[in-house]
Amino acid sequence: MKNDLVVKIENVRKQMINVGMSSGFTSEETIRLSKKLDNLINLQMKLFSNLSAY
């Protein structure tokens, strides 16, 4: 699960950069991907916080 999340974060990050380079960094698609990336990173941080509590 953890590795899947890392892979998903990396894929969305790459996709966001590609869309940003072709459509502009303020395009709706780039912003949507940025928010998706933020949510994934927040989830990852939450999981790490829960693991470090043990």
PDB file of N, CA and C in Angstrom:
ATOM      1  N   MET A   1       0.832  -1.203   0.000  1.00  0.00           N
ATOM      2  CA  MET A   1       0.000   0.000   0.000  1.00  0.00           C
ATOM      3  C   MET A   1       0.864   1.251   0.000  1.00  0.00           C
ATOM      4  N   LYS A   2       1.882   1.292   0.882  1.00  0.00           N
ATOM      5  CA  LYS A   2       2.724   2.479   0.965  1.00  0.00           C
ATOM      6  C   LYS A   2       3.449   2.727  -0.349  1.00  0.00           C
ATOM      7  N   ASN A   3       3.977   1.663  -0.956  1.00  0.00           N
ATOM      8  CA  ASN A   3       4.681   1.822  -2.230  1.00  0.00           C
ATOM      9  C   ASN A   3       3.733   2.269  -3.329  1.00  0.00           C
ATOM     10  N   ASP A   4       2.487   1.764  -3.302  1.00  0.00           N
ATOM     11  CA  ASP A   4       1.489   2.179  -4.279  1.00  0.00           C
ATOM     12  C   ASP A   4       1.227   3.675  -4.189  1.00  0.00           C
ATOM     13  N   LEU A   5       1.158   4.180  -2.985  1.00  0.00           N
ATOM     14  CA  LEU A   5       0.913   5.605  -2.767  1.00  0.00           C
ATOM     15  C   LEU A   5       2.080   6.438  -3.290  1.00  0.00           C
ATOM     16  N   VAL A   6       3.286   5.993  -3.035  1.00  0.00           N
ATOM     17  CA  VAL A   6       4.473   6.702  -3.522  1.00  0.00           C
ATOM     18  C   VAL A   6       4.478   6.738  -5.053  1.00  0.00           C
ATOM     19  N   VAL A   7       4.140   5.627  -5.674  1.00  0.00           N
ATOM     20  CA  VAL A   7       4.089   5.551  -7.135  1.00  0.00           C
ATOM     21  C   VAL A   7       2.999   6.478  -7.665  1.00  0.00           C
ATOM     22  N   LYS A   8       1.852   6.480  -7.019  1.00  0.00           N
ATOM     23  CA  LYS A   8       0.750   7.334  -7.455  1.00  0.00           C
ATOM     24  C   LYS A   8       1.128   8.810  -7.324  1.00  0.00           C
ATOM     25  N   ILE A   9       1.780   9.176  -6.226  1.00  0.00           N
ATOM     26  CA  ILE A   9       2.233  10.556  -6.031  1.00  0.00           C
ATOM     27  C   ILE A   9       3.188  10.950  -7.152  1.00  0.00           C
ATOM     28  N   GLU A  10       4.127  10.098  -7.452  1.00  0.00           N
ATOM     29  CA  GLU A  10       5.107  10.396  -8.506  1.00  0.00           C
ATOM     30  C   GLU A  10       4.434  10.518  -9.870  1.00  0.00           C
ATOM     31  N   ASN A  11       3.485   9.637 -10.160  1.00  0.00           N
ATOM     32  CA  ASN A  11       2.785   9.700 -11.444  1.00  0.00           C
ATOM     33  C   ASN A  11       1.966  10.985 -11.584  1.00  0.00           C
ATOM     34  N   VAL A  12       1.248  11.365 -10.542  1.00  0.00           N
ATOM     35  CA  VAL A  12       0.447  12.592 -10.593  1.00  0.00           C
ATOM     36  C   VAL A  12       1.364  13.810 -10.700  1.00  0.00           C
ATOM     37  N   ARG A  13       2.491  13.780  -9.995  1.00  0.00           N
ATOM     38  CA  ARG A  13       3.443  14.894 -10.064  1.00  0.00           C
ATOM     39  C   ARG A  13       3.963  15.073 -11.490  1.00  0.00           C
ATOM     40  N   LYS A  14       4.349  13.968 -12.116  1.00  0.00           N
ATOM     41  CA  LYS A  14       4.847  14.035 -13.493  1.00  0.00           C
ATOM     42  C   LYS A  14       3.757  14.521 -14.450  1.00  0.00           C
ATOM     43  N   GLN A  15       2.550  14.007 -14.260  1.00  0.00           N
ATOM     44  CA  GLN A  15       1.432  14.414 -15.105  1.00  0.00           C
ATOM     45  C   GLN A  15       1.147  15.907 -14.940  1.00  0.00           C
ATOM     46  N   MET A  16       1.174  16.394 -13.701  1.00  0.00           N
ATOM     47  CA  MET A  16       0.922  17.806 -13.430  1.00  0.00           C
ATOM     48  C   MET A  16       1.975  18.687 -14.114  1.00  0.00           C
ATOM     49  N   ILE A  17       3.222  18.282 -14.048  1.00  0.00           N
ATOM     50  CA  ILE A  17       4.291  19.052 -14.677  1.00  0.00           C
ATOM     51  C   ILE A  17       4.104  19.071 -16.193  1.00  0.00           C
ATOM     52  N   ASN A  18       3.798  17.915 -16.780  1.00  0.00           N
ATOM     53  CA  ASN A  18       3.589  17.848 -18.227  1.00  0.00           C
ATOM     54  C   ASN A  18       2.423  18.728 -18.668  1.00  0.00           C
ATOM     55  N   VAL A  19       1.316  18.650 -17.945  1.00  0.00           N
ATOM     56  CA  VAL A  19       0.152  19.469 -18.280  1.00  0.00           C
ATOM     57  C   VAL A  19       0.494  20.945 -18.086  1.00  0.00           C
ATOM     58  N   GLY A  20       1.201  21.263 -17.017  1.00  0.00           N
ATOM     59  CA  GLY A  20       1.590  22.642 -16.761  1.00  0.00           C
ATOM     60  C   GLY A  20       2.472  23.208 -17.859  1.00  0.00           C
ATOM     61  N   MET A  21       3.377  22.393 -18.355  1.00  0.00           N
ATOM     62  CA  MET A  21       4.276  22.847 -19.422  1.00  0.00           C
ATOM     63  C   MET A  21       3.532  23.047 -20.739  1.00  0.00           C
ATOM     64  N   SER A  22       2.517  22.238 -20.993  1.00  0.00           N
ATOM     65  CA  SER A  22       1.807  22.343 -22.269  1.00  0.00           C
ATOM     66  C   SER A  22       0.591  23.267 -22.203  1.00  0.00           C
ATOM     67  N   SER A  23      -0.093  23.291 -21.083  1.00  0.00           N
ATOM     68  CA  SER A  23      -1.339  24.069 -20.987  1.00  0.00           C
ATOM     69  C   SER A  23      -1.219  25.320 -20.127  1.00  0.00           C
ATOM     70  N   GLY A  24      -0.108  25.424 -19.422  1.00  0.00           N
ATOM     71  CA  GLY A  24       0.088  26.562 -18.524  1.00  0.00           C
ATOM     72  C   GLY A  24      -0.126  26.148 -17.077  1.00  0.00           C
ATOM     73  N   PHE A  25       0.612  26.788 -16.204  1.00  0.00           N
ATOM     74  CA  PHE A  25       0.574  26.407 -14.793  1.00  0.00           C
ATOM     75  C   PHE A  25      -0.672  26.881 -14.072  1.00  0.00           C
ATOM     76  N   THR A  26      -1.472  27.723 -14.721  1.00  0.00           N
ATOM     77  CA  THR A  26      -2.726  28.158 -14.110  1.00  0.00           C
ATOM     78  C   THR A  26      -3.947  27.572 -14.813  1.00  0.00           C
ATOM     79  N   SER A  27      -3.723  26.601 -15.708  1.00  0.00           N
ATOM     80  CA  SER A  27      -4.858  25.969 -16.393  1.00  0.00           C
ATOM     81  C   SER A  27      -5.676  25.163 -15.386  1.00  0.00           C
ATOM     82  N   GLU A  28      -6.941  24.961 -15.706  1.00  0.00           N
ATOM     83  CA  GLU A  28      -7.830  24.211 -14.810  1.00  0.00           C
ATOM     84  C   GLU A  28      -7.310  22.802 -14.557  1.00  0.00           C
ATOM     85  N   GLU A  29      -6.794  22.158 -15.595  1.00  0.00           N
ATOM     86  CA  GLU A  29      -6.287  20.787 -15.456  1.00  0.00           C
ATOM     87  C   GLU A  29      -5.053  20.746 -14.551  1.00  0.00           C
ATOM     88  N   THR A  30      -4.156  21.707 -14.703  1.00  0.00           N
ATOM     89  CA  THR A  30      -2.968  21.754 -13.848  1.00  0.00           C
ATOM     90  C   THR A  30      -3.373  21.969 -12.399  1.00  0.00           C
ATOM     91  N   ILE A  31      -4.303  22.858 -12.168  1.00  0.00           N
ATOM     92  CA  ILE A  31      -4.769  23.129 -10.803  1.00  0.00           C
ATOM     93  C   ILE A  31      -5.463  21.908 -10.210  1.00  0.00           C
ATOM     94  N   ARG A  32      -6.260  21.214 -11.033  1.00  0.00           N
ATOM     95  CA  ARG A  32      -6.930  19.996 -10.560  1.00  0.00           C
ATOM     96  C   ARG A  32      -5.900  18.941 -10.147  1.00  0.00           C
ATOM     97  N   LEU A  33      -4.874  18.776 -10.972  1.00  0.00           N
ATOM     98  CA  LEU A  33      -3.825  17.809 -10.649  1.00  0.00           C
ATOM     99  C   LEU A  33      -3.026  18.236  -9.425  1.00  0.00           C
ATOM    100  N   SER A  34      -2.810  19.528  -9.274  1.00  0.00           N
ATOM    101  CA  SER A  34      -2.098  20.040  -8.104  1.00  0.00           C
ATOM    102  C   SER A  34      -2.866  19.731  -6.821  1.00  0.00           C
ATOM    103  N   LYS A  35      -4.171  19.913  -6.868  1.00  0.00           N
ATOM    104  CA  LYS A  35      -5.005  19.603  -5.697  1.00  0.00           C
ATOM    105  C   LYS A  35      -4.997  18.103  -5.408  1.00  0.00           C
ATOM    106  N   LYS A  36      -5.040  17.305  -6.466  1.00  0.00           N
ATOM    107  CA  LYS A  36      -4.981  15.849  -6.299  1.00  0.00           C
ATOM    108  C   LYS A  36      -3.647  15.449  -5.664  1.00  0.00           C
ATOM    109  N   LEU A  37      -2.566  16.064  -6.138  1.00  0.00           N
ATOM    110  CA  LEU A  37      -1.244  15.790  -5.586  1.00  0.00           C
ATOM    111  C   LEU A  37      -1.175  16.197  -4.119  1.00  0.00           C
ATOM    112  N   ASP A  38      -1.716  17.367  -3.795  1.00  0.00           N
ATOM    113  CA  ASP A  38      -1.756  17.819  -2.399  1.00  0.00           C
ATOM    114  C   ASP A  38      -2.479  16.809  -1.513  1.00  0.00           C
ATOM    115  N   ASN A  39      -3.616  16.319  -1.992  1.00  0.00           N
ATOM    116  CA  ASN A  39      -4.385  15.344  -1.210  1.00  0.00           C
ATOM    117  C   ASN A  39      -3.599  14.059  -0.997  1.00  0.00           C
ATOM    118  N   LEU A  40      -2.909  13.598  -2.030  1.00  0.00           N
ATOM    119  CA  LEU A  40      -2.109  12.378  -1.902  1.00  0.00           C
ATOM    120  C   LEU A  40      -0.950  12.575  -0.931  1.00  0.00           C
ATOM    121  N   ILE A  41      -0.288  13.714  -1.004  1.00  0.00           N
ATOM    122  CA  ILE A  41       0.827  13.985  -0.085  1.00  0.00           C
ATOM    123  C   ILE A  41       0.322  14.112   1.339  1.00  0.00           C
ATOM    124  N   ASN A  42      -0.831  14.762   1.519  1.00  0.00           N
ATOM    125  CA  ASN A  42      -1.414  14.860   2.859  1.00  0.00           C
ATOM    126  C   ASN A  42      -1.746  13.480   3.414  1.00  0.00           C
ATOM    127  N   LEU A  43      -2.265  12.599   2.570  1.00  0.00           N
ATOM    128  CA  LEU A  43      -2.544  11.229   2.993  1.00  0.00           C
ATOM    129  C   LEU A  43      -1.263  10.521   3.397  1.00  0.00           C
ATOM    130  N   GLN A  44      -0.219  10.695   2.614  1.00  0.00           N
ATOM    131  CA  GLN A  44       1.075  10.076   2.926  1.00  0.00           C
ATOM    132  C   GLN A  44       1.599  10.581   4.272  1.00  0.00           C
ATOM    133  N   MET A  45       1.499  11.875   4.493  1.00  0.00           N
ATOM    134  CA  MET A  45       1.976  12.449   5.758  1.00  0.00           C
ATOM    135  C   MET A  45       1.153  11.928   6.942  1.00  0.00           C
ATOM    136  N   LYS A  46      -0.129  11.770   6.735  1.00  0.00           N
ATOM    137  CA  LYS A  46      -1.003  11.235   7.776  1.00  0.00           C
ATOM    138  C   LYS A  46      -0.605   9.808   8.110  1.00  0.00           C
ATOM    139  N   LEU A  47      -0.332   9.016   7.076  1.00  0.00           N
ATOM    140  CA  LEU A  47       0.089   7.631   7.305  1.00  0.00           C
ATOM    141  C   LEU A  47       1.422   7.581   8.041  1.00  0.00           C
ATOM    142  N   PHE A  48       2.362   8.434   7.671  1.00  0.00           N
ATOM    143  CA  PHE A  48       3.651   8.475   8.363  1.00  0.00           C
ATOM    144  C   PHE A  48       3.489   8.907   9.812  1.00  0.00           C
ATOM    145  N   SER A  49       2.597   9.860  10.046  1.00  0.00           N
ATOM    146  CA  SER A  49       2.358  10.318  11.420  1.00  0.00           C
ATOM    147  C   SER A  49       1.788   9.196  12.275  1.00  0.00           C
ATOM    148  N   ASN A  50       0.867   8.441  11.692  1.00  0.00           N
ATOM    149  CA  ASN A  50       0.281   7.325  12.426  1.00  0.00           C
ATOM    150  C   ASN A  50       1.313   6.241  12.711  1.00  0.00           C
ATOM    151  N   LEU A  51       2.211   5.995  11.768  1.00  0.00           N
ATOM    152  CA  LEU A  51       3.241   4.982  11.985  1.00  0.00           C
ATOM    153  C   LEU A  51       4.250   5.406  13.045  1.00  0.00           C
ATOM    154  N   SER A  52       4.573   6.687  13.064  1.00  0.00           N
ATOM    155  CA  SER A  52       5.584   7.157  14.027  1.00  0.00           C
ATOM    156  C   SER A  52       5.004   7.248  15.440  1.00  0.00           C
ATOM    157  N   ALA A  53       3.698   7.176  15.564  1.00  0.00           N
ATOM    158  CA  ALA A  53       3.073   7.223  16.892  1.00  0.00           C
ATOM    159  C   ALA A  53       3.269   5.906  17.649  1.00  0.00           C
ATOM    160  N   TYR A  54       3.642   4.858  16.919  1.00  0.00           N
ATOM    161  CA  TYR A  54       3.801   3.548  17.568  1.00  0.00           C
ATOM    162  C   TYR A  54       5.195   3.315  17.997  1.00  0.00           C
TER     163      TYR A  54
END
